[in-house]
């Protein structure tokens, strides 16, 4: 796909090139998460990330509707990470949970 001309969804070669680009990005994301989850330090970081995304606690705050919305946005990000872990790295996700339980981290 050339940067000089606009994308034309009716052009099969442009569609094919765009699909290849998306597949490269998806493959790179998969490999990156696989690398992170392959090491205990990476799993510890992902656990921390999920905690600050309020997946393991309430995100509703009675005193502040705005803060609740912010926390729900953060939670949405955490849910996307969980979805990726469940879909592509379930064994590593389970290992991460077991490691957290064994260490008693909070």
PDB file of N, CA and C in Angstrom:
ATOM      1  N   UNK A   1       0.838  -1.167   0.000  1.00  0.00           N
ATOM      2  CA  UNK A   1       0.000   0.000   0.000  1.00  0.00           C
ATOM      3  C   UNK A   1       0.887   1.234   0.000  1.00  0.00           C
ATOM      4  N   UNK A   2       0.659   2.122  -0.906  1.00  0.00           N
ATOM      5  CA  UNK A   2       1.446   3.336  -1.022  1.00  0.00           C
ATOM      6  C   UNK A   2       0.891   4.421  -0.103  1.00  0.00           C
ATOM      7  N   UNK A   3       1.787   5.194   0.478  1.00  0.00           N
ATOM      8  CA  UNK A   3       1.367   6.299   1.337  1.00  0.00           C
ATOM      9  C   UNK A   3       0.901   7.495   0.531  1.00  0.00           C
ATOM     10  N   UNK A   4       1.143   7.476  -0.792  1.00  0.00           N
ATOM     11  CA  UNK A   4       0.796   8.620  -1.626  1.00  0.00           C
ATOM     12  C   UNK A   4      -0.659   8.627  -2.061  1.00  0.00           C
ATOM     13  N   UNK A   5      -1.297   7.517  -2.067  1.00  0.00           N
ATOM     14  CA  UNK A   5      -2.691   7.483  -2.491  1.00  0.00           C
ATOM     15  C   UNK A   5      -3.578   7.011  -1.352  1.00  0.00           C
ATOM     16  N   UNK A   6      -4.804   7.476  -1.322  1.00  0.00           N
ATOM     17  CA  UNK A   6      -5.700   7.081  -0.233  1.00  0.00           C
ATOM     18  C   UNK A   6      -6.072   5.605  -0.343  1.00  0.00           C
ATOM     19  N   UNK A   7      -6.406   5.041   0.811  1.00  0.00           N
ATOM     20  CA  UNK A   7      -6.811   3.647   0.862  1.00  0.00           C
ATOM     21  C   UNK A   7      -8.141   3.476   0.147  1.00  0.00           C
ATOM     22  N   UNK A   8      -8.217   2.448  -0.687  1.00  0.00           N
ATOM     23  CA  UNK A   8      -9.429   2.148  -1.452  1.00  0.00           C
ATOM     24  C   UNK A   8      -9.867   0.736  -1.072  1.00  0.00           C
ATOM     25  N   UNK A   9     -10.941   0.644  -0.291  1.00  0.00           N
ATOM     26  CA  UNK A   9     -11.432  -0.655   0.162  1.00  0.00           C
ATOM     27  C   UNK A   9     -11.942  -1.520  -0.984  1.00  0.00           C
ATOM     28  N   UNK A  10     -12.142  -0.930  -2.147  1.00  0.00           N
ATOM     29  CA  UNK A  10     -12.577  -1.693  -3.308  1.00  0.00           C
ATOM     30  C   UNK A  10     -11.416  -2.299  -4.080  1.00  0.00           C
ATOM     31  N   UNK A  11     -10.207  -1.904  -3.763  1.00  0.00           N
ATOM     32  CA  UNK A  11      -9.008  -2.403  -4.434  1.00  0.00           C
ATOM     33  C   UNK A  11      -8.524  -3.641  -3.683  1.00  0.00           C
ATOM     34  N   UNK A  12      -8.672  -4.812  -4.318  1.00  0.00           N
ATOM     35  CA  UNK A  12      -8.342  -6.071  -3.650  1.00  0.00           C
ATOM     36  C   UNK A  12      -6.894  -6.141  -3.197  1.00  0.00           C
ATOM     37  N   UNK A  13      -5.975  -5.580  -3.956  1.00  0.00           N
ATOM     38  CA  UNK A  13      -4.573  -5.639  -3.553  1.00  0.00           C
ATOM     39  C   UNK A  13      -4.329  -4.770  -2.314  1.00  0.00           C
ATOM     40  N   UNK A  14      -5.008  -3.640  -2.221  1.00  0.00           N
ATOM     41  CA  UNK A  14      -4.878  -2.800  -1.030  1.00  0.00           C
ATOM     42  C   UNK A  14      -5.496  -3.482   0.190  1.00  0.00           C
ATOM     43  N   UNK A  15      -6.609  -4.145  -0.005  1.00  0.00           N
ATOM     44  CA  UNK A  15      -7.252  -4.874   1.089  1.00  0.00           C
ATOM     45  C   UNK A  15      -6.336  -6.000   1.558  1.00  0.00           C
ATOM     46  N   UNK A  16      -5.762  -6.738   0.629  1.00  0.00           N
ATOM     47  CA  UNK A  16      -4.851  -7.834   0.946  1.00  0.00           C
ATOM     48  C   UNK A  16      -3.627  -7.307   1.711  1.00  0.00           C
ATOM     49  N   UNK A  17      -3.057  -6.189   1.250  1.00  0.00           N
ATOM     50  CA  UNK A  17      -1.903  -5.598   1.936  1.00  0.00           C
ATOM     51  C   UNK A  17      -2.271  -5.131   3.340  1.00  0.00           C
ATOM     52  N   UNK A  18      -3.457  -4.550   3.483  1.00  0.00           N
ATOM     53  CA  UNK A  18      -3.905  -4.083   4.800  1.00  0.00           C
ATOM     54  C   UNK A  18      -4.092  -5.264   5.746  1.00  0.00           C
ATOM     55  N   UNK A  19      -4.641  -6.361   5.249  1.00  0.00           N
ATOM     56  CA  UNK A  19      -4.820  -7.566   6.076  1.00  0.00           C
ATOM     57  C   UNK A  19      -3.472  -8.096   6.558  1.00  0.00           C
ATOM     58  N   UNK A  20      -2.485  -8.103   5.662  1.00  0.00           N
ATOM     59  CA  UNK A  20      -1.153  -8.568   6.031  1.00  0.00           C
ATOM     60  C   UNK A  20      -0.554  -7.696   7.128  1.00  0.00           C
ATOM     61  N   UNK A  21      -0.750  -6.398   7.028  1.00  0.00           N
ATOM     62  CA  UNK A  21      -0.240  -5.474   8.042  1.00  0.00           C
ATOM     63  C   UNK A  21      -0.900  -5.744   9.395  1.00  0.00           C
ATOM     64  N   UNK A  22      -2.207  -5.948   9.386  1.00  0.00           N
ATOM     65  CA  UNK A  22      -2.932  -6.242  10.626  1.00  0.00           C
ATOM     66  C   UNK A  22      -2.444  -7.556  11.215  1.00  0.00           C
ATOM     67  N   UNK A  23      -2.256  -8.567  10.393  1.00  0.00           N
ATOM     68  CA  UNK A  23      -1.771  -9.863  10.876  1.00  0.00           C
ATOM     69  C   UNK A  23      -0.390  -9.732  11.512  1.00  0.00           C
ATOM     70  N   UNK A  24       0.465  -8.885  10.932  1.00  0.00           N
ATOM     71  CA  UNK A  24       1.792  -8.664  11.514  1.00  0.00           C
ATOM     72  C   UNK A  24       1.685  -8.050  12.902  1.00  0.00           C
ATOM     73  N   UNK A  25       0.801  -7.082  13.048  1.00  0.00           N
ATOM     74  CA  UNK A  25       0.614  -6.434  14.344  1.00  0.00           C
ATOM     75  C   UNK A  25       0.061  -7.423  15.361  1.00  0.00           C
ATOM     76  N   UNK A  26      -0.941  -8.197  14.964  1.00  0.00           N
ATOM     77  CA  UNK A  26      -1.539  -9.183  15.868  1.00  0.00           C
ATOM     78  C   UNK A  26      -0.498 -10.220  16.275  1.00  0.00           C
ATOM     79  N   UNK A  27       0.303 -10.691  15.329  1.00  0.00           N
ATOM     80  CA  UNK A  27       1.353 -11.659  15.648  1.00  0.00           C
ATOM     81  C   UNK A  27       2.376 -11.066  16.604  1.00  0.00           C
ATOM     82  N   UNK A  28       2.751  -9.808  16.389  1.00  0.00           N
ATOM     83  CA  UNK A  28       3.718  -9.152  17.267  1.00  0.00           C
ATOM     84  C   UNK A  28       3.150  -8.991  18.675  1.00  0.00           C
ATOM     85  N   UNK A  29       1.869  -8.642  18.777  1.00  0.00           N
ATOM     86  CA  UNK A  29       1.231  -8.511  20.088  1.00  0.00           C
ATOM     87  C   UNK A  29       1.182  -9.859  20.802  1.00  0.00           C
ATOM     88  N   UNK A  30       0.846 -10.902  20.073  1.00  0.00           N
ATOM     89  CA  UNK A  30       0.810 -12.251  20.646  1.00  0.00           C
ATOM     90  C   UNK A  30       2.182 -12.628  21.194  1.00  0.00           C
ATOM     91  N   UNK A  31       3.208 -12.447  20.378  1.00  0.00           N
ATOM     92  CA  UNK A  31       4.565 -12.814  20.781  1.00  0.00           C
ATOM     93  C   UNK A  31       5.043 -11.963  21.954  1.00  0.00           C
ATOM     94  N   UNK A  32       4.672 -10.700  21.985  1.00  0.00           N
ATOM     95  CA  UNK A  32       5.070  -9.832  23.093  1.00  0.00           C
ATOM     96  C   UNK A  32       4.450 -10.298  24.400  1.00  0.00           C
ATOM     97  N   UNK A  33       3.160 -10.595  24.381  1.00  0.00           N
ATOM     98  CA  UNK A  33       2.496 -11.054  25.590  1.00  0.00           C
ATOM     99  C   UNK A  33       3.017 -12.432  26.002  1.00  0.00           C
ATOM    100  N   UNK A  34       3.309 -13.277  25.027  1.00  0.00           N
ATOM    101  CA  UNK A  34       3.887 -14.596  25.314  1.00  0.00           C
ATOM    102  C   UNK A  34       5.226 -14.423  26.036  1.00  0.00           C
ATOM    103  N   UNK A  35       6.029 -13.490  25.582  1.00  0.00           N
ATOM    104  CA  UNK A  35       7.327 -13.218  26.196  1.00  0.00           C
ATOM    105  C   UNK A  35       7.150 -12.714  27.624  1.00  0.00           C
ATOM    106  N   UNK A  36       6.239 -11.770  27.823  1.00  0.00           N
ATOM    107  CA  UNK A  36       5.990 -11.211  29.152  1.00  0.00           C
ATOM    108  C   UNK A  36       5.508 -12.290  30.113  1.00  0.00           C
ATOM    109  N   UNK A  37       4.579 -13.106  29.659  1.00  0.00           N
ATOM    110  CA  UNK A  37       3.979 -14.116  30.528  1.00  0.00           C
ATOM    111  C   UNK A  37       4.884 -15.327  30.742  1.00  0.00           C
ATOM    112  N   UNK A  38       5.968 -15.430  29.987  1.00  0.00           N
ATOM    113  CA  UNK A  38       6.863 -16.586  30.129  1.00  0.00           C
ATOM    114  C   UNK A  38       7.792 -16.460  31.335  1.00  0.00           C
ATOM    115  N   UNK A  39       7.832 -15.284  31.939  1.00  0.00           N
ATOM    116  CA  UNK A  39       8.733 -15.037  33.054  1.00  0.00           C
ATOM    117  C   UNK A  39       7.932 -14.607  34.281  1.00  0.00           C
ATOM    118  N   UNK A  40       8.349 -15.055  35.461  1.00  0.00           N
ATOM    119  CA  UNK A  40       7.628 -14.714  36.693  1.00  0.00           C
ATOM    120  C   UNK A  40       7.544 -13.197  36.890  1.00  0.00           C
ATOM    121  N   UNK A  41       8.605 -12.491  36.546  1.00  0.00           N
ATOM    122  CA  UNK A  41       8.584 -11.028  36.702  1.00  0.00           C
ATOM    123  C   UNK A  41       7.537 -10.396  35.794  1.00  0.00           C
ATOM    124  N   UNK A  42       7.385 -10.928  34.597  1.00  0.00           N
ATOM    125  CA  UNK A  42       6.368 -10.429  33.684  1.00  0.00           C
ATOM    126  C   UNK A  42       4.968 -10.726  34.197  1.00  0.00           C
ATOM    127  N   UNK A  43       4.778 -11.927  34.726  1.00  0.00           N
ATOM    128  CA  UNK A  43       3.474 -12.280  35.287  1.00  0.00           C
ATOM    129  C   UNK A  43       3.151 -11.424  36.508  1.00  0.00           C
ATOM    130  N   UNK A  44       4.172 -11.130  37.312  1.00  0.00           N
ATOM    131  CA  UNK A  44       3.970 -10.258  38.469  1.00  0.00           C
ATOM    132  C   UNK A  44       3.536  -8.869  38.004  1.00  0.00           C
ATOM    133  N   UNK A  45       4.133  -8.369  36.932  1.00  0.00           N
ATOM    134  CA  UNK A  45       3.749  -7.067  36.388  1.00  0.00           C
ATOM    135  C   UNK A  45       2.309  -7.088  35.870  1.00  0.00           C
ATOM    136  N   UNK A  46       1.944  -8.140  35.152  1.00  0.00           N
ATOM    137  CA  UNK A  46       0.583  -8.245  34.628  1.00  0.00           C
ATOM    138  C   UNK A  46      -0.414  -8.306  35.782  1.00  0.00           C
ATOM    139  N   UNK A  47      -0.073  -9.033  36.851  1.00  0.00           N
ATOM    140  CA  UNK A  47      -0.965  -9.091  38.018  1.00  0.00           C
ATOM    141  C   UNK A  47      -1.165  -7.686  38.588  1.00  0.00           C
ATOM    142  N   UNK A  48      -0.068  -6.944  38.735  1.00  0.00           N
ATOM    143  CA  UNK A  48      -0.140  -5.562  39.230  1.00  0.00           C
ATOM    144  C   UNK A  48      -1.024  -4.722  38.313  1.00  0.00           C
ATOM    145  N   UNK A  49      -0.838  -4.866  37.006  1.00  0.00           N
ATOM    146  CA  UNK A  49      -1.638  -4.110  36.046  1.00  0.00           C
ATOM    147  C   UNK A  49      -3.128  -4.409  36.216  1.00  0.00           C
ATOM    148  N   UNK A  50      -3.454  -5.675  36.368  1.00  0.00           N
ATOM    149  CA  UNK A  50      -4.858  -6.054  36.543  1.00  0.00           C
ATOM    150  C   UNK A  50      -5.413  -5.519  37.865  1.00  0.00           C
ATOM    151  N   UNK A  51      -4.573  -5.491  38.895  1.00  0.00           N
ATOM    152  CA  UNK A  51      -5.026  -4.924  40.168  1.00  0.00           C
ATOM    153  C   UNK A  51      -5.334  -3.439  40.050  1.00  0.00           C
ATOM    154  N   UNK A  52      -4.476  -2.677  39.380  1.00  0.00           N
ATOM    155  CA  UNK A  52      -4.734  -1.237  39.282  1.00  0.00           C
ATOM    156  C   UNK A  52      -5.863  -0.936  38.299  1.00  0.00           C
ATOM    157  N   UNK A  53      -6.270  -1.948  37.555  1.00  0.00           N
ATOM    158  CA  UNK A  53      -7.444  -1.813  36.684  1.00  0.00           C
ATOM    159  C   UNK A  53      -8.732  -2.205  37.410  1.00  0.00           C
ATOM    160  N   UNK A  54      -8.630  -2.466  38.717  1.00  0.00           N
ATOM    161  CA  UNK A  54      -9.793  -2.712  39.581  1.00  0.00           C
ATOM    162  C   UNK A  54     -10.569  -3.974  39.194  1.00  0.00           C
ATOM    163  N   UNK A  55      -9.878  -4.966  38.657  1.00  0.00           N
ATOM    164  CA  UNK A  55     -10.570  -6.201  38.302  1.00  0.00           C
ATOM    165  C   UNK A  55     -10.890  -7.042  39.518  1.00  0.00           C
ATOM    166  N   UNK A  56     -10.145  -6.847  40.590  1.00  0.00           N
ATOM    167  CA  UNK A  56     -10.336  -7.667  41.771  1.00  0.00           C
ATOM    168  C   UNK A  56     -10.918  -6.864  42.929  1.00  0.00           C
ATOM    169  N   UNK A  57     -11.536  -5.740  42.597  1.00  0.00           N
ATOM    170  CA  UNK A  57     -12.164  -4.903  43.616  1.00  0.00           C
ATOM    171  C   UNK A  57     -13.306  -4.115  42.966  1.00  0.00           C
ATOM    172  N   UNK A  58     -14.077  -3.455  43.800  1.00  0.00           N
ATOM    173  CA  UNK A  58     -15.172  -2.624  43.287  1.00  0.00           C
ATOM    174  C   UNK A  58     -14.607  -1.357  42.654  1.00  0.00           C
ATOM    175  N   UNK A  59     -15.224  -0.916  41.580  1.00  0.00           N
ATOM    176  CA  UNK A  59     -14.784   0.330  40.960  1.00  0.00           C
ATOM    177  C   UNK A  59     -15.787   1.455  41.173  1.00  0.00           C
ATOM    178  N   UNK A  60     -16.919   1.151  41.770  1.00  0.00           N
ATOM    179  CA  UNK A  60     -17.930   2.178  42.030  1.00  0.00           C
ATOM    180  C   UNK A  60     -17.596   2.922  43.318  1.00  0.00           C
ATOM    181  N   UNK A  61     -17.653   4.247  43.248  1.00  0.00           N
ATOM    182  CA  UNK A  61     -17.396   5.086  44.410  1.00  0.00           C
ATOM    183  C   UNK A  61     -18.623   5.958  44.626  1.00  0.00           C
ATOM    184  N   UNK A  62     -19.247   5.811  45.769  1.00  0.00           N
ATOM    185  CA  UNK A  62     -20.480   6.553  46.045  1.00  0.00           C
ATOM    186  C   UNK A  62     -20.280   8.062  46.023  1.00  0.00           C
ATOM    187  N   UNK A  63     -19.140   8.531  46.517  1.00  0.00           N
ATOM    188  CA  UNK A  63     -18.922   9.971  46.655  1.00  0.00           C
ATOM    189  C   UNK A  63     -18.643  10.676  45.335  1.00  0.00           C
ATOM    190  N   UNK A  64     -18.201   9.932  44.310  1.00  0.00           N
ATOM    191  CA  UNK A  64     -17.763  10.589  43.087  1.00  0.00           C
ATOM    192  C   UNK A  64     -18.145   9.781  41.850  1.00  0.00           C
ATOM    193  N   UNK A  65     -19.113  10.301  41.141  1.00  0.00           N
ATOM    194  CA  UNK A  65     -19.522   9.648  39.904  1.00  0.00           C
ATOM    195  C   UNK A  65     -18.403   9.730  38.870  1.00  0.00           C
ATOM    196  N   UNK A  66     -17.691  10.851  38.827  1.00  0.00           N
ATOM    197  CA  UNK A  66     -16.592  11.012  37.870  1.00  0.00           C
ATOM    198  C   UNK A  66     -15.500   9.983  38.146  1.00  0.00           C
ATOM    199  N   UNK A  67     -15.136   9.821  39.417  1.00  0.00           N
ATOM    200  CA  UNK A  67     -14.108   8.838  39.762  1.00  0.00           C
ATOM    201  C   UNK A  67     -14.560   7.422  39.406  1.00  0.00           C
ATOM    202  N   UNK A  68     -15.839   7.146  39.588  1.00  0.00           N
ATOM    203  CA  UNK A  68     -16.369   5.833  39.201  1.00  0.00           C
ATOM    204  C   UNK A  68     -16.193   5.627  37.701  1.00  0.00           C
ATOM    205  N   UNK A  69     -16.484   6.644  36.901  1.00  0.00           N
ATOM    206  CA  UNK A  69     -16.328   6.530  35.450  1.00  0.00           C
ATOM    207  C   UNK A  69     -14.866   6.294  35.075  1.00  0.00           C
ATOM    208  N   UNK A  70     -13.958   7.011  35.741  1.00  0.00           N
ATOM    209  CA  UNK A  70     -12.530   6.822  35.477  1.00  0.00           C
ATOM    210  C   UNK A  70     -12.125   5.385  35.806  1.00  0.00           C
ATOM    211  N   UNK A  71     -12.548   4.909  36.956  1.00  0.00           N
ATOM    212  CA  UNK A  71     -12.190   3.555  37.364  1.00  0.00           C
ATOM    213  C   UNK A  71     -12.813   2.509  36.443  1.00  0.00           C
ATOM    214  N   UNK A  72     -14.001   2.763  35.954  1.00  0.00           N
ATOM    215  CA  UNK A  72     -14.625   1.829  35.005  1.00  0.00           C
ATOM    216  C   UNK A  72     -13.858   1.820  33.680  1.00  0.00           C
ATOM    217  N   UNK A  73     -13.325   2.964  33.281  1.00  0.00           N
ATOM    218  CA  UNK A  73     -12.480   2.998  32.086  1.00  0.00           C
ATOM    219  C   UNK A  73     -11.217   2.181  32.279  1.00  0.00           C
ATOM    220  N   UNK A  74     -10.614   2.319  33.451  1.00  0.00           N
ATOM    221  CA  UNK A  74      -9.431   1.520  33.768  1.00  0.00           C
ATOM    222  C   UNK A  74      -9.792   0.036  33.792  1.00  0.00           C
ATOM    223  N   UNK A  75     -10.939  -0.276  34.348  1.00  0.00           N
ATOM    224  CA  UNK A  75     -11.404  -1.670  34.414  1.00  0.00           C
ATOM    225  C   UNK A  75     -11.600  -2.244  33.010  1.00  0.00           C
ATOM    226  N   UNK A  76     -12.095  -1.412  32.115  1.00  0.00           N
ATOM    227  CA  UNK A  76     -12.292  -1.839  30.733  1.00  0.00           C
ATOM    228  C   UNK A  76     -10.966  -2.265  30.097  1.00  0.00           C
ATOM    229  N   UNK A  77      -9.909  -1.535  30.392  1.00  0.00           N
ATOM    230  CA  UNK A  77      -8.588  -1.900  29.873  1.00  0.00           C
ATOM    231  C   UNK A  77      -8.165  -3.249  30.450  1.00  0.00           C
ATOM    232  N   UNK A  78      -8.366  -3.419  31.748  1.00  0.00           N
ATOM    233  CA  UNK A  78      -8.024  -4.692  32.383  1.00  0.00           C
ATOM    234  C   UNK A  78      -8.782  -5.859  31.783  1.00  0.00           C
ATOM    235  N   UNK A  79     -10.059  -5.638  31.474  1.00  0.00           N
ATOM    236  CA  UNK A  79     -10.858  -6.700  30.862  1.00  0.00           C
ATOM    237  C   UNK A  79     -10.327  -7.079  29.487  1.00  0.00           C
ATOM    238  N   UNK A  80      -9.810  -6.107  28.746  1.00  0.00           N
ATOM    239  CA  UNK A  80      -9.209  -6.412  27.438  1.00  0.00           C
ATOM    240  C   UNK A  80      -7.952  -7.263  27.604  1.00  0.00           C
ATOM    241  N   UNK A  81      -7.162  -6.955  28.629  1.00  0.00           N
ATOM    242  CA  UNK A  81      -5.965  -7.763  28.902  1.00  0.00           C
ATOM    243  C   UNK A  81      -6.374  -9.183  29.282  1.00  0.00           C
ATOM    244  N   UNK A  82      -7.365  -9.301  30.183  1.00  0.00           N
ATOM    245  CA  UNK A  82      -7.863 -10.620  30.591  1.00  0.00           C
ATOM    246  C   UNK A  82      -8.371 -11.397  29.381  1.00  0.00           C
ATOM    247  N   UNK A  83      -9.101 -10.737  28.527  1.00  0.00           N
ATOM    248  CA  UNK A  83      -9.622 -11.405  27.325  1.00  0.00           C
ATOM    249  C   UNK A  83      -8.483 -11.974  26.482  1.00  0.00           C
ATOM    250  N   UNK A  84      -7.439 -11.188  26.312  1.00  0.00           N
ATOM    251  CA  UNK A  84      -6.281 -11.648  25.539  1.00  0.00           C
ATOM    252  C   UNK A  84      -5.595 -12.814  26.235  1.00  0.00           C
ATOM    253  N   UNK A  85      -5.445 -12.715  27.552  1.00  0.00           N
ATOM    254  CA  UNK A  85      -4.804 -13.799  28.299  1.00  0.00           C
ATOM    255  C   UNK A  85      -5.619 -15.080  28.211  1.00  0.00           C
ATOM    256  N   UNK A  86      -6.919 -14.977  28.387  1.00  0.00           N
ATOM    257  CA  UNK A  86      -7.775 -16.172  28.329  1.00  0.00           C
ATOM    258  C   UNK A  86      -7.764 -16.786  26.932  1.00  0.00           C
ATOM    259  N   UNK A  87      -7.729 -15.951  25.923  1.00  0.00           N
ATOM    260  CA  UNK A  87      -7.807 -16.444  24.554  1.00  0.00           C
ATOM    261  C   UNK A  87      -6.507 -17.018  24.023  1.00  0.00           C
ATOM    262  N   UNK A  88      -5.373 -16.504  24.516  1.00  0.00           N
ATOM    263  CA  UNK A  88      -4.107 -16.895  23.910  1.00  0.00           C
ATOM    264  C   UNK A  88      -3.074 -17.456  24.889  1.00  0.00           C
ATOM    265  N   UNK A  89      -3.225 -17.149  26.166  1.00  0.00           N
ATOM    266  CA  UNK A  89      -2.189 -17.516  27.134  1.00  0.00           C
ATOM    267  C   UNK A  89      -2.813 -18.017  28.435  1.00  0.00           C
ATOM    268  N   UNK A  90      -3.796 -18.872  28.322  1.00  0.00           N
ATOM    269  CA  UNK A  90      -4.545 -19.324  29.499  1.00  0.00           C
ATOM    270  C   UNK A  90      -3.657 -20.044  30.509  1.00  0.00           C
ATOM    271  N   UNK A  91      -2.762 -20.892  30.055  1.00  0.00           N
ATOM    272  CA  UNK A  91      -1.889 -21.617  30.980  1.00  0.00           C
ATOM    273  C   UNK A  91      -1.022 -20.655  31.798  1.00  0.00           C
ATOM    274  N   UNK A  92      -0.495 -19.638  31.134  1.00  0.00           N
ATOM    275  CA  UNK A  92       0.324 -18.647  31.840  1.00  0.00           C
ATOM    276  C   UNK A  92      -0.520 -17.815  32.798  1.00  0.00           C
ATOM    277  N   UNK A  93      -1.751 -17.540  32.414  1.00  0.00           N
ATOM    278  CA  UNK A  93      -2.658 -16.801  33.296  1.00  0.00           C
ATOM    279  C   UNK A  93      -2.933 -17.605  34.573  1.00  0.00           C
ATOM    280  N   UNK A  94      -3.195 -18.890  34.406  1.00  0.00           N
ATOM    281  CA  UNK A  94      -3.436 -19.766  35.564  1.00  0.00           C
ATOM    282  C   UNK A  94      -2.177 -19.834  36.431  1.00  0.00           C
ATOM    283  N   UNK A  95      -1.020 -19.942  35.808  1.00  0.00           N
ATOM    284  CA  UNK A  95       0.246 -19.958  36.554  1.00  0.00           C
ATOM    285  C   UNK A  95       0.399 -18.656  37.349  1.00  0.00           C
ATOM    286  N   UNK A  96       0.049 -17.534  36.753  1.00  0.00           N
ATOM    287  CA  UNK A  96       0.141 -16.235  37.422  1.00  0.00           C
ATOM    288  C   UNK A  96      -0.756 -16.207  38.668  1.00  0.00           C
ATOM    289  N   UNK A  97      -1.969 -16.721  38.548  1.00  0.00           N
ATOM    290  CA  UNK A  97      -2.894 -16.755  39.689  1.00  0.00           C
ATOM    291  C   UNK A  97      -2.312 -17.629  40.808  1.00  0.00           C
ATOM    292  N   UNK A  98      -1.786 -18.773  40.459  1.00  0.00           N
ATOM    293  CA  UNK A  98      -1.210 -19.681  41.465  1.00  0.00           C
ATOM    294  C   UNK A  98      -0.013 -19.030  42.158  1.00  0.00           C
ATOM    295  N   UNK A  99       0.813 -18.346  41.381  1.00  0.00           N
ATOM    296  CA  UNK A  99       1.970 -17.667  41.977  1.00  0.00           C
ATOM    297  C   UNK A  99       1.506 -16.591  42.963  1.00  0.00           C
ATOM    298  N   UNK A 100       0.480 -15.858  42.587  1.00  0.00           N
ATOM    299  CA  UNK A 100      -0.044 -14.816  43.473  1.00  0.00           C
ATOM    300  C   UNK A 100      -0.602 -15.427  44.756  1.00  0.00           C
ATOM    301  N   UNK A 101      -1.343 -16.527  44.620  1.00  0.00           N
ATOM    302  CA  UNK A 101      -1.916 -17.200  45.790  1.00  0.00           C
ATOM    303  C   UNK A 101      -0.813 -17.729  46.714  1.00  0.00           C
ATOM    304  N   UNK A 102       0.237 -18.278  46.135  1.00  0.00           N
ATOM    305  CA  UNK A 102       1.316 -18.848  46.929  1.00  0.00           C
ATOM    306  C   UNK A 102       2.124 -17.805  47.689  1.00  0.00           C
ATOM    307  N   UNK A 103       2.242 -16.626  47.112  1.00  0.00           N
ATOM    308  CA  UNK A 103       3.034 -15.580  47.752  1.00  0.00           C
ATOM    309  C   UNK A 103       2.202 -14.747  48.707  1.00  0.00           C
ATOM    310  N   UNK A 104       0.876 -14.810  48.544  1.00  0.00           N
ATOM    311  CA  UNK A 104       0.017 -14.014  49.415  1.00  0.00           C
ATOM    312  C   UNK A 104       0.126 -12.531  49.125  1.00  0.00           C
ATOM    313  N   UNK A 105       0.513 -12.180  47.880  1.00  0.00           N
ATOM    314  CA  UNK A 105       0.593 -10.761  47.501  1.00  0.00           C
ATOM    315  C   UNK A 105      -0.775 -10.138  47.537  1.00  0.00           C
ATOM    316  N   UNK A 106      -0.802  -8.840  47.714  1.00  0.00           N
ATOM    317  CA  UNK A 106      -2.088  -8.130  47.632  1.00  0.00           C
ATOM    318  C   UNK A 106      -1.999  -6.998  46.672  1.00  0.00           C
TER     319      UNK A 106
END
